[in-house]
Amino acid sequence: MTIFDFSTVFGEFSRPFQHIPYSESYRDYTNGGQWVKGAELPPVNMEGVILPLGNDDLQFDTAGTYTIQDRKLFLQEPETLEEEAVVEVDGLRYRVTGDKPYGHYAGFNVYFLKRTDIGGETS
């Protein structure tokens, strides 16, 4: 049970985005131990509140330095994302670089999104 109810905020401001999952990377020992990067899997449609970063967020944080191209994603539980997950918003890709869990008292988590190129590498 959460202490604060933000369902009306999510109902009004949520917008669609896609989580781009990747298969597991592995070492192919049949080819001399060559590293095989995970392949992109079909996207998963999700919804959340996506905002630009504020001035406080643009400073150094535990996940690194952010720019005005980066975003903040508010995602209602039970939906979650792992660190390094790739999401696509309006045709632009972002990598999850960190989170702030507010789940036990507010029912959502905040994820910091770093702008990336098409392959998911940080730009």
PDB file of N, CA and C in Angstrom:
ATOM      1  N   MET A   1       0.839  -1.183   0.000  1.00  0.00           N
ATOM      2  CA  MET A   1       0.000   0.000   0.000  1.00  0.00           C
ATOM      3  C   MET A   1       0.880   1.241   0.000  1.00  0.00           C
ATOM      4  N   THR A   2       0.563   2.180  -0.879  1.00  0.00           N
ATOM      5  CA  THR A   2       1.329   3.413  -0.946  1.00  0.00           C
ATOM      6  C   THR A   2       0.680   4.488  -0.083  1.00  0.00           C
ATOM      7  N   ILE A   3       1.471   5.427   0.356  1.00  0.00           N
ATOM      8  CA  ILE A   3       0.991   6.514   1.201  1.00  0.00           C
ATOM      9  C   ILE A   3       0.349   7.610   0.354  1.00  0.00           C
ATOM     10  N   PHE A   4       0.965   7.915  -0.799  1.00  0.00           N
ATOM     11  CA  PHE A   4       0.465   8.971  -1.675  1.00  0.00           C
ATOM     12  C   PHE A   4      -0.073   8.358  -2.964  1.00  0.00           C
ATOM     13  N   ASP A   5      -1.174   8.904  -3.484  1.00  0.00           N
ATOM     14  CA  ASP A   5      -1.798   8.387  -4.703  1.00  0.00           C
ATOM     15  C   ASP A   5      -1.556   9.362  -5.851  1.00  0.00           C
ATOM     16  N   PHE A   6      -0.737   8.941  -6.828  1.00  0.00           N
ATOM     17  CA  PHE A   6      -0.423   9.771  -7.985  1.00  0.00           C
ATOM     18  C   PHE A   6      -1.120   9.278  -9.246  1.00  0.00           C
ATOM     19  N   SER A   7      -2.137   8.433  -9.103  1.00  0.00           N
ATOM     20  CA  SER A   7      -2.790   7.850 -10.281  1.00  0.00           C
ATOM     21  C   SER A   7      -3.424   8.910 -11.183  1.00  0.00           C
ATOM     22  N   THR A   8      -3.953   9.994 -10.627  1.00  0.00           N
ATOM     23  CA  THR A   8      -4.541  11.041 -11.474  1.00  0.00           C
ATOM     24  C   THR A   8      -3.464  11.772 -12.273  1.00  0.00           C
ATOM     25  N   VAL A   9      -2.293  11.973 -11.685  1.00  0.00           N
ATOM     26  CA  VAL A   9      -1.181  12.614 -12.404  1.00  0.00           C
ATOM     27  C   VAL A   9      -0.762  11.733 -13.570  1.00  0.00           C
ATOM     28  N   PHE A  10      -0.604  10.429 -13.309  1.00  0.00           N
ATOM     29  CA  PHE A  10      -0.225   9.513 -14.384  1.00  0.00           C
ATOM     30  C   PHE A  10      -1.333   9.413 -15.428  1.00  0.00           C
ATOM     31  N   GLY A  11      -2.587   9.444 -14.994  1.00  0.00           N
ATOM     32  CA  GLY A  11      -3.697   9.390 -15.935  1.00  0.00           C
ATOM     33  C   GLY A  11      -3.725  10.574 -16.878  1.00  0.00           C
ATOM     34  N   GLU A  12      -3.349  11.737 -16.384  1.00  0.00           N
ATOM     35  CA  GLU A  12      -3.392  12.955 -17.192  1.00  0.00           C
ATOM     36  C   GLU A  12      -2.144  13.179 -18.033  1.00  0.00           C
ATOM     37  N   PHE A  13      -0.958  12.811 -17.523  1.00  0.00           N
ATOM     38  CA  PHE A  13       0.283  13.179 -18.189  1.00  0.00           C
ATOM     39  C   PHE A  13       1.067  12.021 -18.807  1.00  0.00           C
ATOM     40  N   SER A  14       0.599  10.790 -18.643  1.00  0.00           N
ATOM     41  CA  SER A  14       1.304   9.654 -19.239  1.00  0.00           C
ATOM     42  C   SER A  14       1.250   9.723 -20.748  1.00  0.00           C
ATOM     43  N   ARG A  15       2.320   9.245 -21.370  1.00  0.00           N
ATOM     44  CA  ARG A  15       2.382   9.180 -22.826  1.00  0.00           C
ATOM     45  C   ARG A  15       3.086   7.893 -23.219  1.00  0.00           C
ATOM     46  N   PRO A  16       2.847   7.420 -24.428  1.00  0.00           N
ATOM     47  CA  PRO A  16       3.439   6.153 -24.838  1.00  0.00           C
ATOM     48  C   PRO A  16       4.937   6.277 -25.159  1.00  0.00           C
ATOM     49  N   PHE A  17       5.642   5.184 -24.915  1.00  0.00           N
ATOM     50  CA  PHE A  17       7.031   5.023 -25.333  1.00  0.00           C
ATOM     51  C   PHE A  17       7.261   3.544 -25.516  1.00  0.00           C
ATOM     52  N   GLN A  18       8.412   3.178 -26.047  1.00  0.00           N
ATOM     53  CA  GLN A  18       8.713   1.768 -26.269  1.00  0.00           C
ATOM     54  C   GLN A  18       9.983   1.369 -25.532  1.00  0.00           C
ATOM     55  N   HIS A  19       9.912   0.221 -24.875  1.00  0.00           N
ATOM     56  CA  HIS A  19      11.098  -0.401 -24.282  1.00  0.00           C
ATOM     57  C   HIS A  19      11.675  -1.304 -25.367  1.00  0.00           C
ATOM     58  N   ILE A  20      12.969  -1.149 -25.658  1.00  0.00           N
ATOM     59  CA  ILE A  20      13.631  -1.946 -26.692  1.00  0.00           C
ATOM     60  C   ILE A  20      14.492  -3.003 -25.992  1.00  0.00           C
ATOM     61  N   PRO A  21      13.968  -4.215 -25.834  1.00  0.00           N
ATOM     62  CA  PRO A  21      14.759  -5.256 -25.165  1.00  0.00           C
ATOM     63  C   PRO A  21      15.809  -5.853 -26.107  1.00  0.00           C
ATOM     64  N   TYR A  22      16.839  -6.419 -25.526  1.00  0.00           N
ATOM     65  CA  TYR A  22      17.904  -7.086 -26.279  1.00  0.00           C
ATOM     66  C   TYR A  22      18.080  -8.489 -25.712  1.00  0.00           C
ATOM     67  N   SER A  23      18.427  -9.425 -26.583  1.00  0.00           N
ATOM     68  CA  SER A  23      18.748 -10.770 -26.113  1.00  0.00           C
ATOM     69  C   SER A  23      20.077 -10.710 -25.366  1.00  0.00           C
ATOM     70  N   GLU A  24      20.367 -11.748 -24.617  1.00  0.00           N
ATOM     71  CA  GLU A  24      21.608 -11.809 -23.842  1.00  0.00           C
ATOM     72  C   GLU A  24      22.830 -11.858 -24.755  1.00  0.00           C
ATOM     73  N   SER A  25      23.865 -11.139 -24.400  1.00  0.00           N
ATOM     74  CA  SER A  25      25.155 -11.270 -25.075  1.00  0.00           C
ATOM     75  C   SER A  25      25.826 -12.536 -24.554  1.00  0.00           C
ATOM     76  N   TYR A  26      26.691 -13.109 -25.357  1.00  0.00           N
ATOM     77  CA  TYR A  26      27.359 -14.336 -24.922  1.00  0.00           C
ATOM     78  C   TYR A  26      28.690 -14.516 -25.649  1.00  0.00           C
ATOM     79  N   ARG A  27      29.495 -15.410 -25.137  1.00  0.00           N
ATOM     80  CA  ARG A  27      30.772 -15.751 -25.741  1.00  0.00           C
ATOM     81  C   ARG A  27      30.586 -17.040 -26.541  1.00  0.00           C
ATOM     82  N   ASP A  28      30.849 -16.966 -27.850  1.00  0.00           N
ATOM     83  CA  ASP A  28      30.665 -18.107 -28.740  1.00  0.00           C
ATOM     84  C   ASP A  28      31.962 -18.918 -28.791  1.00  0.00           C
ATOM     85  N   TYR A  29      32.012 -19.987 -28.010  1.00  0.00           N
ATOM     86  CA  TYR A  29      33.225 -20.801 -27.915  1.00  0.00           C
ATOM     87  C   TYR A  29      33.427 -21.683 -29.145  1.00  0.00           C
ATOM     88  N   THR A  30      32.384 -21.840 -29.969  1.00  0.00           N
ATOM     89  CA  THR A  30      32.572 -22.586 -31.211  1.00  0.00           C
ATOM     90  C   THR A  30      33.328 -21.758 -32.245  1.00  0.00           C
ATOM     91  N   ASN A  31      33.412 -20.442 -32.021  1.00  0.00           N
ATOM     92  CA  ASN A  31      34.164 -19.529 -32.898  1.00  0.00           C
ATOM     93  C   ASN A  31      35.326 -18.892 -32.145  1.00  0.00           C
ATOM     94  N   GLY A  32      36.010 -19.678 -31.347  1.00  0.00           N
ATOM     95  CA  GLY A  32      37.203 -19.184 -30.656  1.00  0.00           C
ATOM     96  C   GLY A  32      36.915 -18.241 -29.504  1.00  0.00           C
ATOM     97  N   GLY A  33      35.736 -18.288 -28.942  1.00  0.00           N
ATOM     98  CA  GLY A  33      35.416 -17.433 -27.802  1.00  0.00           C
ATOM     99  C   GLY A  33      35.035 -16.018 -28.183  1.00  0.00           C
ATOM    100  N   GLN A  34      34.635 -15.815 -29.434  1.00  0.00           N
ATOM    101  CA  GLN A  34      34.249 -14.484 -29.916  1.00  0.00           C
ATOM    102  C   GLN A  34      33.018 -13.988 -29.168  1.00  0.00           C
ATOM    103  N   TRP A  35      33.029 -12.693 -28.779  1.00  0.00           N
ATOM    104  CA  TRP A  35      31.908 -12.082 -28.066  1.00  0.00           C
ATOM    105  C   TRP A  35      30.796 -11.755 -29.057  1.00  0.00           C
ATOM    106  N   VAL A  36      29.564 -12.201 -28.772  1.00  0.00           N
ATOM    107  CA  VAL A  36      28.412 -11.949 -29.620  1.00  0.00           C
ATOM    108  C   VAL A  36      27.460 -11.042 -28.850  1.00  0.00           C
ATOM    109  N   LYS A  37      27.278  -9.828 -29.379  1.00  0.00           N
ATOM    110  CA  LYS A  37      26.405  -8.847 -28.733  1.00  0.00           C
ATOM    111  C   LYS A  37      24.950  -9.262 -28.900  1.00  0.00           C
ATOM    112  N   GLY A  38      24.137  -9.014 -27.874  1.00  0.00           N
ATOM    113  CA  GLY A  38      22.714  -9.349 -27.922  1.00  0.00           C
ATOM    114  C   GLY A  38      22.008  -8.636 -29.056  1.00  0.00           C
ATOM    115  N   ALA A  39      21.021  -9.292 -29.641  1.00  0.00           N
ATOM    116  CA  ALA A  39      20.258  -8.736 -30.751  1.00  0.00           C
ATOM    117  C   ALA A  39      19.022  -8.011 -30.240  1.00  0.00           C
ATOM    118  N   GLU A  40      18.603  -7.001 -30.996  1.00  0.00           N
ATOM    119  CA  GLU A  40      17.405  -6.252 -30.635  1.00  0.00           C
ATOM    120  C   GLU A  40      16.170  -7.137 -30.816  1.00  0.00           C
ATOM    121  N   LEU A  41      15.309  -7.156 -29.814  1.00  0.00           N
ATOM    122  CA  LEU A  41      14.065  -7.920 -29.845  1.00  0.00           C
ATOM    123  C   LEU A  41      12.906  -6.986 -30.170  1.00  0.00           C
ATOM    124  N   PRO A  42      11.713  -7.508 -30.450  1.00  0.00           N
ATOM    125  CA  PRO A  42      10.566  -6.637 -30.736  1.00  0.00           C
ATOM    126  C   PRO A  42      10.286  -5.683 -29.570  1.00  0.00           C
ATOM    127  N   PRO A  43       9.943  -4.426 -29.886  1.00  0.00           N
ATOM    128  CA  PRO A  43       9.698  -3.437 -28.831  1.00  0.00           C
ATOM    129  C   PRO A  43       8.460  -3.759 -28.004  1.00  0.00           C
ATOM    130  N   VAL A  44       8.480  -3.276 -26.752  1.00  0.00           N
ATOM    131  CA  VAL A  44       7.363  -3.445 -25.826  1.00  0.00           C
ATOM    132  C   VAL A  44       6.753  -2.065 -25.585  1.00  0.00           C
ATOM    133  N   ASN A  45       5.466  -1.919 -25.865  1.00  0.00           N
ATOM    134  CA  ASN A  45       4.790  -0.636 -25.654  1.00  0.00           C
ATOM    135  C   ASN A  45       4.530  -0.415 -24.168  1.00  0.00           C
ATOM    136  N   MET A  46       4.855   0.793 -23.686  1.00  0.00           N
ATOM    137  CA  MET A  46       4.658   1.156 -22.283  1.00  0.00           C
ATOM    138  C   MET A  46       4.144   2.588 -22.228  1.00  0.00           C
ATOM    139  N   GLU A  47       3.767   3.040 -21.034  1.00  0.00           N
ATOM    140  CA  GLU A  47       3.353   4.426 -20.815  1.00  0.00           C
ATOM    141  C   GLU A  47       3.981   4.953 -19.546  1.00  0.00           C
ATOM    142  N   GLY A  48       4.347   6.230 -19.571  1.00  0.00           N
ATOM    143  CA  GLY A  48       4.919   6.885 -18.407  1.00  0.00           C
ATOM    144  C   GLY A  48       4.942   8.381 -18.616  1.00  0.00           C
ATOM    145  N   VAL A  49       5.310   9.100 -17.589  1.00  0.00           N
ATOM    146  CA  VAL A  49       5.440  10.557 -17.667  1.00  0.00           C
ATOM    147  C   VAL A  49       6.898  10.849 -18.007  1.00  0.00           C
ATOM    148  N   ILE A  50       7.121  11.536 -19.135  1.00  0.00           N
ATOM    149  CA  ILE A  50       8.472  11.815 -19.621  1.00  0.00           C
ATOM    150  C   ILE A  50       8.680  13.320 -19.610  1.00  0.00           C
ATOM    151  N   LEU A  51       9.714  13.758 -18.893  1.00  0.00           N
ATOM    152  CA  LEU A  51       9.971  15.187 -18.726  1.00  0.00           C
ATOM    153  C   LEU A  51      11.423  15.522 -19.030  1.00  0.00           C
ATOM    154  N   PRO A  52      11.685  16.763 -19.451  1.00  0.00           N
ATOM    155  CA  PRO A  52      13.086  17.193 -19.544  1.00  0.00           C
ATOM    156  C   PRO A  52      13.676  17.290 -18.139  1.00  0.00           C
ATOM    157  N   LEU A  53      14.974  17.254 -18.051  1.00  0.00           N
ATOM    158  CA  LEU A  53      15.635  17.369 -16.749  1.00  0.00           C
ATOM    159  C   LEU A  53      15.621  18.813 -16.279  1.00  0.00           C
ATOM    160  N   GLY A  54      15.450  19.008 -14.981  1.00  0.00           N
ATOM    161  CA  GLY A  54      15.517  20.342 -14.393  1.00  0.00           C
ATOM    162  C   GLY A  54      16.959  20.744 -14.140  1.00  0.00           C
ATOM    163  N   ASN A  55      17.156  21.972 -13.711  1.00  0.00           N
ATOM    164  CA  ASN A  55      18.513  22.470 -13.457  1.00  0.00           C
ATOM    165  C   ASN A  55      19.271  21.629 -12.441  1.00  0.00           C
ATOM    166  N   ASP A  56      18.604  21.180 -11.395  1.00  0.00           N
ATOM    167  CA  ASP A  56      19.269  20.343 -10.395  1.00  0.00           C
ATOM    168  C   ASP A  56      19.720  19.015 -10.993  1.00  0.00           C
ATOM    169  N   ASP A  57      18.919  18.456 -11.900  1.00  0.00           N
ATOM    170  CA  ASP A  57      19.255  17.181 -12.533  1.00  0.00           C
ATOM    171  C   ASP A  57      20.419  17.306 -13.503  1.00  0.00           C
ATOM    172  N   LEU A  58      20.587  18.479 -14.112  1.00  0.00           N
ATOM    173  CA  LEU A  58      21.628  18.662 -15.120  1.00  0.00           C
ATOM    174  C   LEU A  58      23.028  18.712 -14.521  1.00  0.00           C
ATOM    175  N   GLN A  59      23.129  18.764 -13.211  1.00  0.00           N
ATOM    176  CA  GLN A  59      24.433  18.740 -12.556  1.00  0.00           C
ATOM    177  C   GLN A  59      24.908  17.306 -12.438  1.00  0.00           C
ATOM    178  N   PHE A  60      26.106  17.141 -11.908  1.00  0.00           N
ATOM    179  CA  PHE A  60      26.640  15.796 -11.717  1.00  0.00           C
ATOM    180  C   PHE A  60      25.733  15.010 -10.782  1.00  0.00           C
ATOM    181  N   ASP A  61      25.502  13.761 -11.109  1.00  0.00           N
ATOM    182  CA  ASP A  61      24.711  12.857 -10.291  1.00  0.00           C
ATOM    183  C   ASP A  61      25.469  11.542 -10.236  1.00  0.00           C
ATOM    184  N   THR A  62      24.992  10.597  -9.443  1.00  0.00           N
ATOM    185  CA  THR A  62      25.687   9.323  -9.323  1.00  0.00           C
ATOM    186  C   THR A  62      25.759   8.594 -10.658  1.00  0.00           C
ATOM    187  N   ALA A  63      24.847   8.886 -11.579  1.00  0.00           N
ATOM    188  CA  ALA A  63      24.851   8.213 -12.878  1.00  0.00           C
ATOM    189  C   ALA A  63      25.642   8.985 -13.927  1.00  0.00           C
ATOM    190  N   GLY A  64      26.274  10.093 -13.579  1.00  0.00           N
ATOM    191  CA  GLY A  64      27.105  10.823 -14.532  1.00  0.00           C
ATOM    192  C   GLY A  64      26.610  12.229 -14.785  1.00  0.00           C
ATOM    193  N   THR A  65      27.072  12.811 -15.887  1.00  0.00           N
ATOM    194  CA  THR A  65      26.702  14.159 -16.281  1.00  0.00           C
ATOM    195  C   THR A  65      25.560  14.100 -17.286  1.00  0.00           C
ATOM    196  N   TYR A  66      24.585  14.951 -17.099  1.00  0.00           N
ATOM    197  CA  TYR A  66      23.439  14.980 -18.003  1.00  0.00           C
ATOM    198  C   TYR A  66      23.464  16.245 -18.842  1.00  0.00           C
ATOM    199  N   THR A  67      22.741  16.204 -19.988  1.00  0.00           N
ATOM    200  CA  THR A  67      22.628  17.359 -20.871  1.00  0.00           C
ATOM    201  C   THR A  67      21.152  17.658 -21.108  1.00  0.00           C
ATOM    202  N   ILE A  68      20.876  18.714 -21.860  1.00  0.00           N
ATOM    203  CA  ILE A  68      19.488  19.075 -22.141  1.00  0.00           C
ATOM    204  C   ILE A  68      18.808  18.059 -23.065  1.00  0.00           C
ATOM    205  N   GLN A  69      19.567  17.160 -23.699  1.00  0.00           N
ATOM    206  CA  GLN A  69      18.975  16.110 -24.540  1.00  0.00           C
ATOM    207  C   GLN A  69      18.443  14.939 -23.721  1.00  0.00           C
ATOM    208  N   ASP A  70      18.824  14.848 -22.460  1.00  0.00           N
ATOM    209  CA  ASP A  70      18.442  13.726 -21.612  1.00  0.00           C
ATOM    210  C   ASP A  70      17.068  13.969 -20.988  1.00  0.00           C
ATOM    211  N   ARG A  71      16.458  12.910 -20.481  1.00  0.00           N
ATOM    212  CA  ARG A  71      15.098  12.990 -19.948  1.00  0.00           C
ATOM    213  C   ARG A  71      14.972  12.261 -18.621  1.00  0.00           C
ATOM    214  N   LYS A  72      13.822  12.479 -17.989  1.00  0.00           N
ATOM    215  CA  LYS A  72      13.453  11.809 -16.755  1.00  0.00           C
ATOM    216  C   LYS A  72      12.130  11.105 -17.022  1.00  0.00           C
ATOM    217  N   LEU A  73      12.029   9.821 -16.631  1.00  0.00           N
ATOM    218  CA  LEU A  73      10.842   9.019 -16.869  1.00  0.00           C
ATOM    219  C   LEU A  73      10.247   8.593 -15.534  1.00  0.00           C
ATOM    220  N   PHE A  74       8.981   8.921 -15.326  1.00  0.00           N
ATOM    221  CA  PHE A  74       8.237   8.484 -14.146  1.00  0.00           C
ATOM    222  C   PHE A  74       7.396   7.296 -14.582  1.00  0.00           C
ATOM    223  N   LEU A  75       7.618   6.149 -13.940  1.00  0.00           N
ATOM    224  CA  LEU A  75       6.963   4.917 -14.348  1.00  0.00           C
ATOM    225  C   LEU A  75       6.227   4.315 -13.160  1.00  0.00           C
ATOM    226  N   GLN A  76       4.924   4.122 -13.337  1.00  0.00           N
ATOM    227  CA  GLN A  76       4.085   3.583 -12.262  1.00  0.00           C
ATOM    228  C   GLN A  76       4.352   2.105 -12.058  1.00  0.00           C
ATOM    229  N   GLU A  77       4.398   1.696 -10.787  1.00  0.00           N
ATOM    230  CA  GLU A  77       4.534   0.276 -10.483  1.00  0.00           C
ATOM    231  C   GLU A  77       3.264  -0.446 -10.892  1.00  0.00           C
ATOM    232  N   PRO A  78       3.315  -1.678 -11.300  1.00  0.00           N
ATOM    233  CA  PRO A  78       4.417  -2.626 -11.149  1.00  0.00           C
ATOM    234  C   PRO A  78       5.434  -2.580 -12.281  1.00  0.00           C
ATOM    235  N   GLU A  79       5.247  -1.691 -13.275  1.00  0.00           N
ATOM    236  CA  GLU A  79       6.198  -1.589 -14.380  1.00  0.00           C
ATOM    237  C   GLU A  79       7.559  -1.118 -13.858  1.00  0.00           C
ATOM    238  N   THR A  80       8.625  -1.718 -14.351  1.00  0.00           N
ATOM    239  CA  THR A  80       9.982  -1.323 -13.981  1.00  0.00           C
ATOM    240  C   THR A  80      10.892  -1.434 -15.198  1.00  0.00           C
ATOM    241  N   LEU A  81      12.039  -0.802 -15.103  1.00  0.00           N
ATOM    242  CA  LEU A  81      13.094  -0.912 -16.110  1.00  0.00           C
ATOM    243  C   LEU A  81      14.408  -1.175 -15.396  1.00  0.00           C
ATOM    244  N   GLU A  82      15.277  -1.925 -16.019  1.00  0.00           N
ATOM    245  CA  GLU A  82      16.596  -2.169 -15.445  1.00  0.00           C
ATOM    246  C   GLU A  82      17.569  -1.089 -15.914  1.00  0.00           C
ATOM    247  N   GLU A  83      18.628  -0.893 -15.147  1.00  0.00           N
ATOM    248  CA  GLU A  83      19.685   0.006 -15.581  1.00  0.00           C
ATOM    249  C   GLU A  83      20.264  -0.537 -16.876  1.00  0.00           C
ATOM    250  N   GLU A  84      20.591   0.334 -17.811  1.00  0.00           N
ATOM    251  CA  GLU A  84      21.104   0.033 -19.145  1.00  0.00           C
ATOM    252  C   GLU A  84      20.008  -0.356 -20.141  1.00  0.00           C
ATOM    253  N   ALA A  85      18.734  -0.399 -19.707  1.00  0.00           N
ATOM    254  CA  ALA A  85      17.642  -0.674 -20.643  1.00  0.00           C
ATOM    255  C   ALA A  85      17.571   0.461 -21.660  1.00  0.00           C
ATOM    256  N   VAL A  86      17.085   0.155 -22.860  1.00  0.00           N
ATOM    257  CA  VAL A  86      16.946   1.151 -23.922  1.00  0.00           C
ATOM    258  C   VAL A  86      15.462   1.416 -24.139  1.00  0.00           C
ATOM    259  N   VAL A  87      15.097   2.703 -24.207  1.00  0.00           N
ATOM    260  CA  VAL A  87      13.723   3.096 -24.503  1.00  0.00           C
ATOM    261  C   VAL A  87      13.726   4.053 -25.683  1.00  0.00           C
ATOM    262  N   GLU A  88      12.589   4.111 -26.394  1.00  0.00           N
ATOM    263  CA  GLU A  88      12.452   5.008 -27.533  1.00  0.00           C
ATOM    264  C   GLU A  88      11.243   5.909 -27.300  1.00  0.00           C
ATOM    265  N   VAL A  89      11.473   7.210 -27.414  1.00  0.00           N
ATOM    266  CA  VAL A  89      10.430   8.219 -27.233  1.00  0.00           C
ATOM    267  C   VAL A  89      10.449   9.123 -28.457  1.00  0.00           C
ATOM    268  N   ASP A  90       9.343   9.180 -29.175  1.00  0.00           N
ATOM    269  CA  ASP A  90       9.234  10.031 -30.370  1.00  0.00           C
ATOM    270  C   ASP A  90      10.377   9.798 -31.356  1.00  0.00           C
ATOM    271  N   GLY A  91      10.759   8.542 -31.541  1.00  0.00           N
ATOM    272  CA  GLY A  91      11.811   8.204 -32.501  1.00  0.00           C
ATOM    273  C   GLY A  91      13.232   8.403 -31.993  1.00  0.00           C
ATOM    274  N   LEU A  92      13.396   8.879 -30.770  1.00  0.00           N
ATOM    275  CA  LEU A  92      14.729   9.070 -30.186  1.00  0.00           C
ATOM    276  C   LEU A  92      14.976   7.995 -29.139  1.00  0.00           C
ATOM    277  N   ARG A  93      16.213   7.501 -29.096  1.00  0.00           N
ATOM    278  CA  ARG A  93      16.548   6.438 -28.144  1.00  0.00           C
ATOM    279  C   ARG A  93      17.312   6.978 -26.948  1.00  0.00           C
ATOM    280  N   TYR A  94      17.033   6.354 -25.807  1.00  0.00           N
ATOM    281  CA  TYR A  94      17.644   6.722 -24.539  1.00  0.00           C
ATOM    282  C   TYR A  94      18.038   5.443 -23.801  1.00  0.00           C
ATOM    283  N   ARG A  95      19.095   5.551 -22.981  1.00  0.00           N
ATOM    284  CA  ARG A  95      19.525   4.437 -22.135  1.00  0.00           C
ATOM    285  C   ARG A  95      19.275   4.818 -20.682  1.00  0.00           C
ATOM    286  N   VAL A  96      18.698   3.902 -19.908  1.00  0.00           N
ATOM    287  CA  VAL A  96      18.462   4.135 -18.486  1.00  0.00           C
ATOM    288  C   VAL A  96      19.809   4.117 -17.777  1.00  0.00           C
ATOM    289  N   THR A  97      20.140   5.222 -17.114  1.00  0.00           N
ATOM    290  CA  THR A  97      21.444   5.325 -16.438  1.00  0.00           C
ATOM    291  C   THR A  97      21.320   5.282 -14.919  1.00  0.00           C
ATOM    292  N   GLY A  98      20.127   5.404 -14.412  1.00  0.00           N
ATOM    293  CA  GLY A  98      19.949   5.369 -12.963  1.00  0.00           C
ATOM    294  C   GLY A  98      18.481   5.510 -12.617  1.00  0.00           C
ATOM    295  N   ASP A  99      18.177   5.301 -11.359  1.00  0.00           N
ATOM    296  CA  ASP A  99      16.794   5.439 -10.929  1.00  0.00           C
ATOM    297  C   ASP A  99      16.735   5.939  -9.494  1.00  0.00           C
ATOM    298  N   LYS A 100      15.555   6.421  -9.146  1.00  0.00           N
ATOM    299  CA  LYS A 100      15.247   6.826  -7.780  1.00  0.00           C
ATOM    300  C   LYS A 100      13.931   6.154  -7.424  1.00  0.00           C
ATOM    301  N   PRO A 101      13.968   5.144  -6.558  1.00  0.00           N
ATOM    302  CA  PRO A 101      12.737   4.418  -6.231  1.00  0.00           C
ATOM    303  C   PRO A 101      11.879   5.173  -5.219  1.00  0.00           C
ATOM    304  N   TYR A 102      10.637   5.379  -5.596  1.00  0.00           N
ATOM    305  CA  TYR A 102       9.655   5.970  -4.696  1.00  0.00           C
ATOM    306  C   TYR A 102       8.495   5.006  -4.485  1.00  0.00           C
ATOM    307  N   GLY A 103       8.692   3.753  -4.857  1.00  0.00           N
ATOM    308  CA  GLY A 103       7.625   2.767  -4.884  1.00  0.00           C
ATOM    309  C   GLY A 103       6.933   2.489  -3.575  1.00  0.00           C
ATOM    310  N   HIS A 104       7.678   2.371  -2.500  1.00  0.00           N
ATOM    311  CA  HIS A 104       7.033   1.940  -1.254  1.00  0.00           C
ATOM    312  C   HIS A 104       6.114   2.988  -0.649  1.00  0.00           C
ATOM    313  N   TYR A 105       6.242   4.250  -1.030  1.00  0.00           N
ATOM    314  CA  TYR A 105       5.315   5.238  -0.482  1.00  0.00           C
ATOM    315  C   TYR A 105       4.584   6.064  -1.538  1.00  0.00           C
ATOM    316  N   ALA A 106       4.966   5.944  -2.823  1.00  0.00           N
ATOM    317  CA  ALA A 106       4.282   6.734  -3.840  1.00  0.00           C
ATOM    318  C   ALA A 106       3.832   5.902  -5.038  1.00  0.00           C
ATOM    319  N   GLY A 107       4.294   4.657  -5.166  1.00  0.00           N
ATOM    320  CA  GLY A 107       3.829   3.788  -6.233  1.00  0.00           C
ATOM    321  C   GLY A 107       4.442   4.040  -7.600  1.00  0.00           C
ATOM    322  N   PHE A 108       5.578   4.735  -7.658  1.00  0.00           N
ATOM    323  CA  PHE A 108       6.255   4.942  -8.937  1.00  0.00           C
ATOM    324  C   PHE A 108       7.757   5.027  -8.705  1.00  0.00           C
ATOM    325  N   ASN A 109       8.499   4.916  -9.811  1.00  0.00           N
ATOM    326  CA  ASN A 109       9.952   5.078  -9.790  1.00  0.00           C
ATOM    327  C   ASN A 109      10.335   6.111 -10.840  1.00  0.00           C
ATOM    328  N   VAL A 110      11.426   6.814 -10.607  1.00  0.00           N
ATOM    329  CA  VAL A 110      11.937   7.802 -11.543  1.00  0.00           C
ATOM    330  C   VAL A 110      13.199   7.221 -12.172  1.00  0.00           C
ATOM    331  N   TYR A 111      13.259   7.264 -13.500  1.00  0.00           N
ATOM    332  CA  TYR A 111      14.418   6.756 -14.240  1.00  0.00           C
ATOM    333  C   TYR A 111      15.061   7.906 -14.999  1.00  0.00           C
ATOM    334  N   PHE A 112      16.391   7.957 -14.982  1.00  0.00           N
ATOM    335  CA  PHE A 112      17.128   8.962 -15.738  1.00  0.00           C
ATOM    336  C   PHE A 112      17.522   8.355 -17.071  1.00  0.00           C
ATOM    337  N   LEU A 113      17.211   9.081 -18.159  1.00  0.00           N
ATOM    338  CA  LEU A 113      17.427   8.590 -19.512  1.00  0.00           C
ATOM    339  C   LEU A 113      18.490   9.423 -20.211  1.00  0.00           C
ATOM    340  N   LYS A 114      19.548   8.778 -20.664  1.00  0.00           N
ATOM    341  CA  LYS A 114      20.638   9.430 -21.386  1.00  0.00           C
ATOM    342  C   LYS A 114      20.433   9.206 -22.877  1.00  0.00           C
ATOM    343  N   ARG A 115      20.437  10.267 -23.676  1.00  0.00           N
ATOM    344  CA  ARG A 115      20.230  10.186 -25.129  1.00  0.00           C
ATOM    345  C   ARG A 115      21.311   9.292 -25.740  1.00  0.00           C
ATOM    346  N   THR A 116      20.894   8.403 -26.672  1.00  0.00           N
ATOM    347  CA  THR A 116      21.822   7.489 -27.326  1.00  0.00           C
ATOM    348  C   THR A 116      21.624   7.521 -28.815  1.00  0.00           C
ATOM    349  N   ASP A 117      22.509   6.825 -29.544  1.00  0.00           N
ATOM    350  CA  ASP A 117      22.321   6.672 -30.976  1.00  0.00           C
ATOM    351  C   ASP A 117      21.421   5.463 -31.224  1.00  0.00           C
ATOM    352  N   ILE A 118      21.211   5.100 -32.466  1.00  0.00           N
ATOM    353  CA  ILE A 118      20.297   4.021 -32.816  1.00  0.00           C
ATOM    354  C   ILE A 118      20.709   2.696 -32.182  1.00  0.00           C
ATOM    355  N   GLY A 119      21.984   2.402 -32.088  1.00  0.00           N
ATOM    356  CA  GLY A 119      22.439   1.151 -31.519  1.00  0.00           C
ATOM    357  C   GLY A 119      22.389   1.113 -29.996  1.00  0.00           C
ATOM    358  N   GLY A 120      21.960   2.203 -29.363  1.00  0.00           N
ATOM    359  CA  GLY A 120      21.859   2.236 -27.919  1.00  0.00           C
ATOM    360  C   GLY A 120      23.120   2.726 -27.225  1.00  0.00           C
ATOM    361  N   GLU A 121      24.121   3.167 -27.996  1.00  0.00           N
ATOM    362  CA  GLU A 121      25.355   3.676 -27.399  1.00  0.00           C
ATOM    363  C   GLU A 121      25.166   5.137 -27.006  1.00  0.00           C
ATOM    364  N   THR A 122      25.725   5.535 -25.881  1.00  0.00           N
ATOM    365  CA  THR A 122      25.599   6.914 -25.406  1.00  0.00           C
ATOM    366  C   THR A 122      26.271   7.854 -26.388  1.00  0.00           C
ATOM    367  N   SER A 123      25.550   8.925 -26.751  1.00  0.00           N
ATOM    368  CA  SER A 123      26.110   9.893 -27.697  1.00  0.00           C
ATOM    369  C   SER A 123      26.854  10.996 -27.006  1.00  0.00           C
TER     370      SER A 123
END
